[in-house]
N, C-alpha and C. Protein backbone atom coordinates (compact mmCIF):
# COMPACT_ATOMS: atom_id res chain seq x y z
N UNK A 1 9.29 11.16 -9.91
CA UNK A 1 9.50 10.69 -8.45
C UNK A 1 9.05 11.71 -7.44
N UNK A 2 8.42 10.88 -6.51
CA UNK A 2 7.99 11.61 -5.35
C UNK A 2 8.85 11.57 -4.03
N UNK A 3 9.38 12.66 -3.30
CA UNK A 3 9.81 12.52 -2.27
C UNK A 3 9.20 13.01 -1.08
N UNK A 4 8.78 11.97 0.01
CA UNK A 4 7.59 11.88 0.92
C UNK A 4 8.03 12.60 2.00
N UNK A 5 8.19 13.96 1.99
CA UNK A 5 8.65 15.04 3.26
C UNK A 5 8.23 16.33 2.62
N UNK A 6 7.78 17.07 3.75
CA UNK A 6 7.58 18.62 3.68
C UNK A 6 8.68 19.55 3.97
N UNK A 7 9.64 18.84 4.62
CA UNK A 7 10.80 19.63 5.50
C UNK A 7 11.53 20.31 4.56
N UNK A 8 11.40 21.65 4.41
CA UNK A 8 12.34 22.43 3.55
C UNK A 8 13.63 22.29 3.51
N UNK A 9 14.35 22.02 4.98
CA UNK A 9 15.79 21.79 4.86
C UNK A 9 16.28 20.51 4.55
N UNK A 10 15.40 19.41 4.64
CA UNK A 10 15.49 18.10 4.22
C UNK A 10 15.51 18.41 2.71
N UNK A 11 14.44 18.98 2.08
CA UNK A 11 14.46 19.14 0.58
C UNK A 11 15.92 19.52 0.07
N UNK A 12 16.11 20.75 0.51
CA UNK A 12 17.27 21.19 0.04
C UNK A 12 18.58 20.32 -0.03
N UNK A 13 18.57 19.63 1.06
CA UNK A 13 19.81 18.61 1.08
C UNK A 13 19.81 17.58 0.12
N UNK A 14 18.51 17.24 -0.11
CA UNK A 14 18.17 16.00 -1.06
C UNK A 14 18.39 16.38 -2.37
N UNK A 15 17.97 17.61 -2.85
CA UNK A 15 17.89 18.20 -4.11
C UNK A 15 19.61 18.01 -4.48
N UNK A 16 20.46 18.46 -3.45
CA UNK A 16 21.72 18.41 -3.77
C UNK A 16 22.31 17.01 -3.88
N UNK A 17 21.68 16.17 -3.14
CA UNK A 17 22.16 14.59 -3.55
C UNK A 17 21.57 13.76 -4.75
N UNK A 18 20.51 14.48 -4.86
CA UNK A 18 20.09 13.87 -6.31
C UNK A 18 20.64 14.20 -7.54
N UNK A 19 21.05 15.68 -7.26
CA UNK A 19 21.46 16.31 -8.44
C UNK A 19 22.73 15.54 -8.94
N UNK A 20 23.68 15.07 -8.05
CA UNK A 20 24.84 14.28 -8.37
C UNK A 20 24.49 13.32 -9.26
N UNK A 21 23.23 12.85 -9.16
CA UNK A 21 22.74 11.44 -10.15
C UNK A 21 21.98 11.90 -11.62
N UNK A 22 21.74 13.22 -11.67
CA UNK A 22 21.28 14.04 -12.73
C UNK A 22 19.38 13.35 -12.54
N UNK A 23 19.22 13.73 -11.24
CA UNK A 23 17.81 13.36 -11.11
C UNK A 23 17.17 14.32 -10.41
N UNK A 24 15.78 14.67 -10.68
CA UNK A 24 15.03 15.55 -9.92
C UNK A 24 13.70 14.86 -9.83
N UNK A 25 13.03 15.44 -8.64
CA UNK A 25 11.95 14.93 -7.76
C UNK A 25 10.84 16.14 -7.67
N UNK A 26 9.93 15.53 -7.26
CA UNK A 26 8.67 16.72 -6.72
C UNK A 26 8.67 16.24 -5.22
N UNK A 27 7.89 17.14 -4.31
CA UNK A 27 7.55 17.02 -3.08
C UNK A 27 6.12 17.12 -3.02
N UNK A 28 5.61 16.52 -1.86
CA UNK A 28 4.04 16.56 -1.47
C UNK A 28 3.31 18.08 -2.06
N UNK A 29 3.91 19.00 -1.44
CA UNK A 29 3.32 20.37 -1.62
C UNK A 29 3.35 20.79 -3.12
N UNK A 30 4.74 20.67 -3.71
CA UNK A 30 4.76 20.87 -5.11
C UNK A 30 3.49 20.27 -6.08
N UNK A 31 3.08 19.02 -5.51
CA UNK A 31 2.25 18.16 -6.24
C UNK A 31 0.73 18.60 -5.84
N UNK A 32 0.83 19.44 -5.16
CA UNK A 32 -0.68 19.83 -4.50
C UNK A 32 -1.24 18.83 -3.60
N UNK A 33 -0.55 17.83 -2.97
CA UNK A 33 -1.33 17.18 -2.14
C UNK A 33 -1.60 17.55 -0.72
N UNK A 34 -2.61 17.56 -0.51
CA UNK A 34 -3.27 18.28 0.77
C UNK A 34 -2.62 17.78 2.13
N UNK A 35 -2.06 18.59 3.16
CA UNK A 35 -1.46 17.93 4.27
C UNK A 35 -2.66 17.74 5.24
N UNK A 36 -2.55 16.27 5.76
CA UNK A 36 -3.90 16.03 6.67
C UNK A 36 -3.14 15.47 7.85
N UNK A 37 -4.13 15.10 9.02
CA UNK A 37 -3.89 14.53 10.01
C UNK A 37 -3.18 13.31 9.79
N UNK A 38 -3.30 12.49 9.09
CA UNK A 38 -2.85 10.80 8.87
C UNK A 38 -1.37 11.17 8.58
N UNK A 39 -0.87 12.18 7.94
CA UNK A 39 0.66 12.23 8.02
C UNK A 39 1.38 12.55 9.53
N UNK A 40 0.27 12.98 10.28
CA UNK A 40 1.07 12.78 11.72
C UNK A 40 1.38 11.59 12.67
N UNK A 41 0.51 10.58 11.85
CA UNK A 41 0.74 9.37 12.41
C UNK A 41 1.69 8.40 11.99
N UNK A 42 2.35 8.77 10.79
CA UNK A 42 3.55 7.94 9.83
C UNK A 42 4.44 7.51 10.70
N UNK A 43 4.99 8.18 11.57
CA UNK A 43 6.03 8.21 12.29
C UNK A 43 5.82 7.61 13.53
N UNK A 44 4.98 6.58 13.93
CA UNK A 44 4.37 5.97 15.14
C UNK A 44 5.09 4.61 15.66
N UNK A 45 6.07 4.23 14.74
CA UNK A 45 6.73 2.71 14.88
C UNK A 45 8.05 2.97 15.65
N UNK A 46 8.65 1.88 16.01
CA UNK A 46 9.59 1.73 16.79
C UNK A 46 11.22 1.50 15.98
N UNK A 47 11.14 1.76 14.77
CA UNK A 47 12.43 1.69 13.98
C UNK A 47 12.13 2.75 13.01
N UNK A 48 13.71 3.10 12.46
CA UNK A 48 13.55 3.94 11.40
C UNK A 48 12.98 3.37 10.17
N UNK A 49 13.30 1.89 10.10
CA UNK A 49 12.95 1.49 8.79
C UNK A 49 11.51 1.45 8.75
N UNK A 50 10.49 1.14 9.83
CA UNK A 50 9.12 1.15 9.66
C UNK A 50 8.77 2.50 9.31
N UNK A 51 9.39 3.50 10.19
CA UNK A 51 8.76 4.67 9.78
C UNK A 51 8.77 5.35 8.62
N UNK A 52 10.25 5.09 7.86
CA UNK A 52 10.58 5.35 6.40
C UNK A 52 9.57 4.75 5.51
N UNK A 53 9.53 3.30 5.67
CA UNK A 53 8.12 2.82 4.90
C UNK A 53 7.11 3.16 4.79
N UNK A 54 6.59 3.70 6.32
CA UNK A 54 5.20 3.94 6.43
C UNK A 54 4.99 5.28 5.45
N UNK A 55 6.04 6.24 5.49
CA UNK A 55 5.83 7.39 4.77
C UNK A 55 5.92 6.90 3.23
N UNK A 56 6.95 6.33 2.61
CA UNK A 56 6.86 5.89 1.51
C UNK A 56 5.34 5.22 0.85
N UNK A 57 5.05 4.44 1.52
CA UNK A 57 3.80 3.88 1.12
C UNK A 57 2.68 4.51 1.13
N UNK A 58 2.56 5.46 2.16
CA UNK A 58 1.24 6.40 1.98
C UNK A 58 1.28 7.34 0.88
N UNK A 59 2.75 7.77 0.68
CA UNK A 59 2.63 9.11 -0.40
C UNK A 59 2.63 8.08 -1.81
N UNK A 60 2.96 7.06 -1.84
CA UNK A 60 2.61 6.20 -2.90
C UNK A 60 1.35 5.98 -3.35
N UNK A 61 0.59 5.76 -2.46
CA UNK A 61 -0.94 5.60 -2.44
C UNK A 61 -1.49 7.06 -2.91
N UNK A 62 -1.02 7.92 -2.15
CA UNK A 62 -2.06 9.10 -2.32
C UNK A 62 -1.63 9.89 -3.46
N UNK A 63 -0.37 9.64 -4.09
CA UNK A 63 -0.18 10.51 -5.18
C UNK A 63 -0.55 9.46 -6.57
N UNK A 64 -1.24 8.42 -6.48
CA UNK A 64 -1.60 7.36 -7.49
C UNK A 64 -0.72 6.93 -7.95
N UNK A 65 0.42 6.28 -7.00
CA UNK A 65 1.47 5.39 -7.56
C UNK A 65 2.71 5.67 -8.38
N UNK A 66 3.13 7.15 -7.83
CA UNK A 66 4.09 7.36 -8.41
C UNK A 66 5.42 6.80 -7.51
N UNK A 67 6.44 6.67 -8.33
CA UNK A 67 7.48 6.02 -7.27
C UNK A 67 7.96 7.21 -6.59
N UNK A 68 8.28 6.38 -5.09
CA UNK A 68 8.16 7.42 -4.02
C UNK A 68 9.28 7.02 -3.30
N UNK A 69 10.44 8.09 -2.85
CA UNK A 69 11.37 7.81 -1.91
C UNK A 69 10.74 8.29 -0.24
N UNK A 70 10.99 7.59 0.61
CA UNK A 70 10.81 7.98 2.07
C UNK A 70 12.25 8.06 3.23
N UNK A 71 11.88 8.53 4.15
CA UNK A 71 13.06 8.26 5.03
C UNK A 71 12.71 8.80 6.55
N UNK A 72 13.57 8.23 7.32
CA UNK A 72 13.40 8.61 8.73
C UNK A 72 14.91 8.78 9.11
N UNK A 73 14.95 9.74 10.17
CA UNK A 73 16.27 10.00 10.54
C UNK A 73 16.23 10.23 12.01
N UNK A 74 17.38 10.38 12.72
CA UNK A 74 17.37 10.71 14.19
C UNK A 74 18.70 10.62 14.51
N UNK A 75 18.95 11.15 15.97
CA UNK A 75 20.24 11.06 16.63
C UNK A 75 20.08 10.51 17.91
N UNK A 76 21.36 9.47 17.71
CA UNK A 76 21.49 8.38 18.96
C UNK A 76 22.50 9.01 19.70
N UNK A 77 22.47 9.21 21.13
CA UNK A 77 23.49 9.52 22.23
C UNK A 77 23.71 8.65 23.13
N UNK A 78 25.03 8.15 22.92
CA UNK A 78 25.65 7.27 23.82
C UNK A 78 25.23 7.26 25.39
N UNK A 79 25.64 8.15 26.02
CA UNK A 79 25.24 8.51 27.56
C UNK A 79 23.79 8.38 27.95
N UNK A 80 23.00 8.63 26.82
CA UNK A 80 21.44 8.65 27.04
C UNK A 80 21.03 7.32 26.61
N UNK A 81 21.65 6.28 26.56
CA UNK A 81 21.27 5.07 26.20
C UNK A 81 20.83 4.73 24.65
N UNK A 82 21.26 5.80 23.78
CA UNK A 82 20.65 5.71 22.48
C UNK A 82 19.51 6.67 22.27
N UNK A 83 18.89 7.30 23.39
CA UNK A 83 17.94 8.26 23.05
C UNK A 83 18.54 9.61 22.30
N UNK A 84 17.74 10.32 21.59
CA UNK A 84 16.22 10.00 21.42
C UNK A 84 15.87 9.09 20.18
N UNK A 85 16.94 8.58 19.54
CA UNK A 85 16.72 7.57 18.34
C UNK A 85 15.74 7.65 17.39
N UNK A 86 14.79 6.79 17.30
CA UNK A 86 13.58 6.97 16.63
C UNK A 86 12.53 7.89 16.94
N UNK A 87 12.74 8.40 18.19
CA UNK A 87 11.45 9.35 18.74
C UNK A 87 12.14 10.80 18.54
N UNK A 88 13.28 10.97 17.69
CA UNK A 88 14.13 12.25 17.82
C UNK A 88 13.07 13.77 17.38
N UNK A 89 12.13 13.55 16.35
CA UNK A 89 11.38 14.47 16.24
C UNK A 89 10.19 14.71 17.16
N UNK A 90 9.62 13.55 17.96
CA UNK A 90 8.65 13.85 18.65
C UNK A 90 9.23 13.68 20.23
N UNK A 91 10.62 13.97 20.74
CA UNK A 91 11.11 13.57 21.90
C UNK A 91 10.48 14.44 23.07
N UNK A 92 10.36 15.88 22.48
CA UNK A 92 9.85 16.56 23.61
C UNK A 92 8.28 16.40 23.98
N UNK A 93 7.83 15.78 23.23
CA UNK A 93 6.49 15.69 23.77
C UNK A 93 5.30 16.65 23.36
N UNK A 94 6.00 17.55 22.85
CA UNK A 94 5.01 18.78 22.45
C UNK A 94 4.51 18.58 21.27
N UNK A 95 3.37 17.69 21.07
CA UNK A 95 2.61 17.74 19.89
C UNK A 95 1.71 19.16 19.27
N UNK A 96 1.92 20.21 20.16
CA UNK A 96 1.45 21.49 19.68
C UNK A 96 2.34 22.54 18.89
N UNK A 97 3.49 21.77 18.59
CA UNK A 97 4.58 22.58 18.22
C UNK A 97 5.11 22.22 16.62
N UNK A 98 5.47 22.67 15.78
CA UNK A 98 5.84 22.49 14.79
C UNK A 98 7.22 23.52 14.25
N UNK A 99 8.22 22.77 13.27
CA UNK A 99 8.99 23.69 12.89
C UNK A 99 10.06 24.14 13.85
N UNK A 100 10.49 25.14 13.56
CA UNK A 100 11.48 25.82 14.63
C UNK A 100 11.06 25.45 15.96
N UNK A 101 9.79 25.78 16.25
CA UNK A 101 9.42 25.90 17.86
C UNK A 101 9.55 24.44 18.47
N UNK A 102 9.27 23.40 17.27
CA UNK A 102 9.56 21.98 17.93
C UNK A 102 11.06 21.69 18.09
N UNK A 103 11.89 22.18 17.03
CA UNK A 103 13.47 21.88 17.25
C UNK A 103 13.83 22.45 18.33
N UNK A 104 13.50 23.64 18.97
CA UNK A 104 13.80 24.38 20.17
C UNK A 104 13.47 23.63 21.45
N UNK A 105 12.23 22.89 21.31
CA UNK A 105 11.73 22.21 22.23
C UNK A 105 12.66 20.97 22.62
N UNK A 106 13.09 20.19 21.52
CA UNK A 106 13.78 19.03 21.35
C UNK A 106 15.19 19.37 21.99
N UNK A 107 15.71 20.23 21.47
CA UNK A 107 16.98 20.96 21.62
C UNK A 107 17.22 21.24 23.18
N UNK A 108 16.27 21.96 23.66
CA UNK A 108 16.14 22.26 24.93
C UNK A 108 16.19 20.77 25.92
N UNK A 109 15.40 19.92 25.59
CA UNK A 109 15.35 18.63 26.32
C UNK A 109 16.78 17.83 26.22
N UNK A 110 17.38 18.00 25.10
CA UNK A 110 18.66 17.40 24.95
C UNK A 110 19.65 17.91 25.74
N UNK A 111 19.57 19.41 25.79
CA UNK A 111 20.76 19.97 26.58
C UNK A 111 20.56 19.71 28.09
N UNK A 112 19.34 19.59 28.58
CA UNK A 112 19.28 19.28 29.73
C UNK A 112 19.47 17.93 30.41
N UNK A 113 19.13 16.88 29.49
CA UNK A 113 19.65 15.19 29.58
C UNK A 113 21.02 15.20 29.44
N UNK A 114 21.69 15.86 28.60
CA UNK A 114 23.29 15.82 28.69
C UNK A 114 23.88 16.37 30.09
N UNK A 115 23.38 17.59 30.12
CA UNK A 115 23.91 18.09 31.66
C UNK A 115 23.79 17.48 32.81
N UNK A 116 22.50 16.84 32.85
CA UNK A 116 22.11 16.19 33.96
C UNK A 116 23.09 14.81 34.07
N UNK A 117 23.38 13.95 33.05
CA UNK A 117 24.27 12.91 32.77
C UNK A 117 25.43 13.38 33.40
N UNK A 118 26.00 14.41 32.93
CA UNK A 118 27.56 14.69 33.27
C UNK A 118 27.50 14.99 34.81
N UNK A 119 26.40 15.56 35.29
CA UNK A 119 26.16 15.79 36.73
C UNK A 119 26.16 14.79 37.63
N UNK A 120 25.12 13.85 37.20
CA UNK A 120 25.35 12.47 37.73
C UNK A 120 26.22 11.58 37.90
N UNK A 121 27.27 11.49 36.86
CA UNK A 121 28.25 10.53 36.66
C UNK A 121 29.31 11.08 35.86
N UNK A 122 29.89 12.04 36.37
CA UNK A 122 31.40 12.79 35.54
C UNK A 122 32.20 11.60 34.95
N UNK A 123 32.39 10.74 35.68
CA UNK A 123 33.40 9.83 35.30
C UNK A 123 33.02 8.91 34.31
N UNK A 124 32.03 8.91 33.82
CA UNK A 124 31.52 7.92 32.92
C UNK A 124 30.68 8.78 31.78
N UNK A 125 30.59 9.96 31.76
CA UNK A 125 30.15 10.74 30.84
C UNK A 125 30.82 10.89 29.65
N UNK A 126 29.90 10.61 28.52
CA UNK A 126 30.63 10.70 27.05
C UNK A 126 29.87 11.51 26.32
N UNK A 127 30.32 12.46 25.45
CA UNK A 127 29.56 13.06 24.36
C UNK A 127 29.48 12.24 22.99
N UNK A 128 29.72 11.27 22.75
CA UNK A 128 29.93 10.67 21.55
C UNK A 128 28.24 10.32 21.13
N UNK A 129 28.30 10.08 20.04
CA UNK A 129 26.74 9.79 19.47
C UNK A 129 26.60 9.65 17.95
N UNK A 130 25.58 9.41 17.23
CA UNK A 130 25.48 9.28 15.88
C UNK A 130 24.52 9.94 15.28
N UNK A 131 24.30 9.96 14.05
CA UNK A 131 23.08 10.42 13.10
C UNK A 131 22.85 9.34 12.60
N UNK A 132 21.38 8.91 12.37
CA UNK A 132 21.12 7.69 11.61
C UNK A 132 20.02 7.98 10.70
N UNK A 133 20.11 7.59 9.34
CA UNK A 133 18.98 7.70 8.23
C UNK A 133 18.72 6.27 7.80
N UNK A 134 17.58 6.28 7.55
CA UNK A 134 17.15 5.08 6.84
C UNK A 134 16.28 5.59 5.57
N UNK A 135 16.56 5.36 4.47
CA UNK A 135 15.96 5.70 3.19
C UNK A 135 15.37 4.53 2.35
N UNK A 136 14.11 4.80 1.85
CA UNK A 136 13.58 3.61 1.24
C UNK A 136 13.05 4.49 -0.15
N UNK A 137 12.82 3.12 -0.88
CA UNK A 137 12.07 3.56 -2.37
C UNK A 137 11.06 2.56 -2.57
N UNK A 138 10.03 3.05 -3.10
CA UNK A 138 8.85 2.19 -3.39
C UNK A 138 8.39 2.60 -4.85
N UNK A 139 8.25 1.50 -5.54
CA UNK A 139 7.37 1.89 -6.89
C UNK A 139 6.67 0.41 -7.38
N UNK A 140 6.18 0.43 -8.39
CA UNK A 140 5.14 -1.14 -8.82
C UNK A 140 6.27 -2.22 -8.58
N UNK A 141 7.45 -1.94 -8.71
CA UNK A 141 8.17 -3.47 -8.62
C UNK A 141 8.93 -3.96 -7.17
N UNK A 142 8.39 -3.01 -6.10
CA UNK A 142 8.68 -3.24 -4.84
C UNK A 142 9.30 -2.20 -3.96
N UNK A 143 9.96 -2.83 -3.29
CA UNK A 143 10.65 -1.52 -2.32
C UNK A 143 12.05 -1.97 -1.95
N UNK A 144 12.79 -1.14 -1.84
CA UNK A 144 14.26 -1.05 -1.47
C UNK A 144 14.63 -0.28 -0.23
N UNK A 145 15.61 -0.71 0.47
CA UNK A 145 15.73 -0.22 2.15
C UNK A 145 17.21 0.17 1.91
N UNK A 146 17.94 1.33 2.49
CA UNK A 146 19.33 1.53 2.88
C UNK A 146 19.25 2.15 3.98
N UNK A 147 20.51 2.25 4.61
CA UNK A 147 20.68 2.80 5.84
C UNK A 147 22.32 3.70 5.73
N UNK A 148 22.31 4.84 6.19
CA UNK A 148 23.31 5.45 6.52
C UNK A 148 23.64 6.18 7.78
N UNK A 149 24.89 6.48 8.58
CA UNK A 149 25.13 6.64 9.67
C UNK A 149 26.51 7.85 9.80
N UNK A 150 26.48 8.38 10.62
CA UNK A 150 27.48 9.64 10.67
C UNK A 150 27.75 9.64 12.25
N UNK A 151 28.99 9.28 12.79
CA UNK A 151 29.30 9.39 13.98
C UNK A 151 29.96 10.75 14.38
N UNK A 152 29.86 11.03 15.59
CA UNK A 152 30.41 12.71 16.07
C UNK A 152 30.21 12.94 17.36
N UNK A 153 29.99 14.17 18.01
CA UNK A 153 29.99 14.56 18.90
C UNK A 153 28.52 15.25 19.40
N UNK A 154 28.01 15.18 20.37
CA UNK A 154 26.72 16.06 20.98
C UNK A 154 27.29 17.02 21.80
N UNK A 155 27.13 18.17 21.48
CA UNK A 155 27.28 19.67 22.19
C UNK A 155 26.34 19.97 23.01
N UNK A 156 26.54 20.78 24.03
CA UNK A 156 25.54 21.50 24.76
C UNK A 156 25.41 23.04 24.39
N UNK A 157 26.42 23.41 23.67
CA UNK A 157 25.94 24.93 23.24
C UNK A 157 25.81 24.46 21.49
N UNK A 158 24.93 25.32 20.74
CA UNK A 158 24.89 25.23 19.61
C UNK A 158 25.94 26.01 19.08
N UNK A 159 26.24 25.63 17.86
CA UNK A 159 26.90 26.44 16.59
C UNK A 159 26.70 26.36 15.16
N UNK A 160 26.42 27.38 14.60
CA UNK A 160 26.13 27.51 13.33
C UNK A 160 24.49 28.01 13.22
N UNK A 161 24.22 28.31 12.03
CA UNK A 161 22.89 28.70 11.88
C UNK A 161 21.96 27.81 10.73
N UNK A 162 22.85 27.22 10.03
CA UNK A 162 22.02 26.43 8.84
C UNK A 162 21.46 24.97 9.46
N UNK A 163 20.86 24.18 8.66
CA UNK A 163 20.35 22.97 9.08
C UNK A 163 19.11 23.14 9.72
N UNK A 164 18.91 21.94 10.66
CA UNK A 164 17.31 21.90 11.23
C UNK A 164 17.41 20.73 12.26
N UNK A 165 16.39 20.97 13.39
CA UNK A 165 16.77 19.89 14.03
C UNK A 165 17.88 19.92 15.14
N UNK A 166 18.44 19.03 15.38
CA UNK A 166 19.45 18.87 16.10
C UNK A 166 20.89 19.46 15.49
N UNK A 167 20.96 19.74 14.51
CA UNK A 167 22.01 20.18 13.65
C UNK A 167 22.99 21.01 14.44
N UNK A 168 22.57 22.06 15.07
CA UNK A 168 23.68 22.94 15.77
C UNK A 168 24.27 22.20 16.82
N UNK A 169 23.93 20.99 17.52
CA UNK A 169 24.03 20.33 18.36
C UNK A 169 25.00 19.09 18.22
N UNK A 170 25.39 19.08 16.89
CA UNK A 170 26.13 17.83 16.48
C UNK A 170 27.11 17.73 15.64
N UNK A 171 28.56 17.72 16.15
CA UNK A 171 29.44 17.91 15.63
C UNK A 171 29.97 16.52 14.98
N UNK A 172 30.37 16.68 13.61
CA UNK A 172 30.71 15.73 12.99
C UNK A 172 32.05 15.63 12.35
N UNK A 173 33.40 15.00 12.54
CA UNK A 173 34.50 15.16 11.71
C UNK A 173 34.52 15.32 10.18
N UNK A 174 33.53 14.38 9.84
CA UNK A 174 33.49 14.10 8.42
C UNK A 174 33.17 15.66 7.82
N UNK A 175 32.14 16.58 8.36
CA UNK A 175 31.87 17.74 8.03
C UNK A 175 32.86 18.78 8.45
N UNK A 176 33.62 18.62 9.27
CA UNK A 176 34.79 19.84 9.90
C UNK A 176 33.87 20.43 10.82
N UNK A 177 33.10 20.19 11.45
CA UNK A 177 32.00 21.12 12.26
C UNK A 177 30.92 20.61 12.55
N UNK A 178 29.90 21.16 12.95
CA UNK A 178 28.33 21.00 13.15
C UNK A 178 27.92 20.72 12.04
N UNK A 179 26.67 20.02 12.00
CA UNK A 179 25.83 20.10 10.69
C UNK A 179 25.31 21.59 10.15
N UNK A 180 25.05 22.44 11.37
CA UNK A 180 24.86 23.68 11.00
C UNK A 180 25.82 24.68 10.77
N UNK A 181 26.95 24.11 10.77
CA UNK A 181 28.08 25.06 10.05
C UNK A 181 28.66 24.67 8.89
N UNK A 182 28.02 23.40 8.56
CA UNK A 182 28.34 22.88 7.06
C UNK A 182 27.59 23.39 5.98
N UNK A 183 28.53 23.48 4.71
CA UNK A 183 27.91 24.19 3.75
C UNK A 183 26.84 22.80 3.13
N UNK A 184 26.03 23.21 2.02
CA UNK A 184 25.25 22.22 1.54
C UNK A 184 25.62 21.28 1.01
N UNK A 185 27.15 21.52 0.08
CA UNK A 185 28.03 20.49 -0.63
C UNK A 185 28.70 19.33 0.37
N UNK A 186 29.22 19.99 1.66
CA UNK A 186 29.60 18.70 2.44
C UNK A 186 28.48 18.02 2.78
N UNK A 187 27.13 18.61 3.31
CA UNK A 187 26.29 17.84 3.87
C UNK A 187 25.84 16.66 2.76
N UNK A 188 25.51 17.52 1.85
CA UNK A 188 25.34 16.40 0.31
C UNK A 188 26.00 15.39 0.26
N UNK A 189 27.24 15.34 0.67
CA UNK A 189 28.23 14.57 0.36
C UNK A 189 28.37 13.42 1.74
N UNK A 190 28.67 13.97 2.66
CA UNK A 190 28.90 13.20 3.80
C UNK A 190 27.92 12.87 5.04
N UNK A 191 26.85 13.24 4.91
CA UNK A 191 25.77 13.23 6.23
C UNK A 191 25.25 11.80 6.15
N UNK A 192 24.45 11.55 7.09
CA UNK A 192 23.81 10.17 7.41
C UNK A 192 22.93 10.13 6.35
N UNK A 193 22.07 11.20 6.03
CA UNK A 193 21.24 11.22 4.81
C UNK A 193 21.83 10.90 3.41
N UNK A 194 22.95 11.81 3.46
CA UNK A 194 23.87 11.38 1.86
C UNK A 194 23.88 10.05 1.56
N UNK A 195 24.74 9.11 2.59
CA UNK A 195 25.17 7.97 2.65
C UNK A 195 24.02 7.24 2.54
N UNK A 196 22.70 7.54 3.16
CA UNK A 196 21.82 6.16 2.95
C UNK A 196 21.18 6.44 1.48
N UNK A 197 20.80 8.00 0.92
CA UNK A 197 20.26 8.13 -0.28
C UNK A 197 21.34 7.81 -1.56
N UNK A 198 22.58 8.06 -1.42
CA UNK A 198 23.30 7.74 -2.31
C UNK A 198 23.70 6.45 -2.27
N UNK A 199 23.58 5.64 -1.42
CA UNK A 199 23.55 4.22 -1.57
C UNK A 199 22.48 3.48 -2.26
N UNK A 200 21.38 4.37 -1.68
CA UNK A 200 19.87 3.37 -2.46
C UNK A 200 19.65 3.96 -3.94
N UNK A 201 20.35 5.06 -4.14
CA UNK A 201 19.97 5.67 -5.81
C UNK A 201 21.20 4.96 -6.36
N UNK A 202 22.53 4.58 -5.98
CA UNK A 202 23.09 3.84 -6.83
C UNK A 202 22.58 2.27 -6.97
N UNK A 203 22.10 1.84 -5.99
CA UNK A 203 21.69 0.31 -6.23
C UNK A 203 20.18 0.36 -7.13
N UNK A 204 19.49 1.43 -7.16
CA UNK A 204 18.47 1.63 -7.80
C UNK A 204 18.87 1.79 -9.60
N UNK A 205 19.62 2.67 -9.69
CA UNK A 205 20.18 2.90 -10.96
C UNK A 205 20.80 1.63 -11.68
N UNK A 206 21.54 1.15 -10.83
CA UNK A 206 22.23 -0.42 -11.27
C UNK A 206 20.91 -1.40 -11.65
N UNK A 207 19.99 -1.37 -11.26
CA UNK A 207 18.81 -1.99 -11.47
C UNK A 207 17.95 -1.19 -12.63
N UNK A 208 18.38 -0.21 -13.11
CA UNK A 208 17.59 0.49 -14.03
C UNK A 208 16.10 1.19 -13.55
N UNK A 209 15.86 1.25 -12.28
CA UNK A 209 14.70 1.85 -11.89
C UNK A 209 14.72 3.30 -11.52
N UNK A 210 16.01 3.98 -11.71
CA UNK A 210 16.03 5.54 -11.89
C UNK A 210 16.77 5.97 -12.70
């Protein structure tokens, strides 16, 4: 089976999730699938579902029909009207950046927007939000979609050194701290991604597809 991501942080979490089902997978880099510009256009839709499906369908084709998992995730902040949402990865608008540099740009925008919201209307300010993940599976028999969410608080000061993306700025009661302070075991059990993939894998196993 193939997991359609090149993110080292995401792959680390997914390996822990899949191991609970005694499953292993390969990733595009491990398969020797060359990275092309086409991958940069996969997350161009307006919903997590569409983006996740686009990834799974693309890598299903380029892998020659290997059963493929795809996902899309993001953070939704209440006081920002649900932003950055589906645009979480590309929120900063910095198409020239990748990896940690892109994470830093996105987080800088998050902190600025949160502080601005508090300054403009302190009486209505709230730091609540949620992480959302949609996981999909595609094989010759069709496509299956599942969604997972984790609620919490959005911080303006980072805590922790693990994780990636907005993880140092998102505190979740289920994890006992920020995602960046969480152990891989806790994250693989209770994160939005864990909830989406565990539900998906359970459904696929019940059907005898994994």
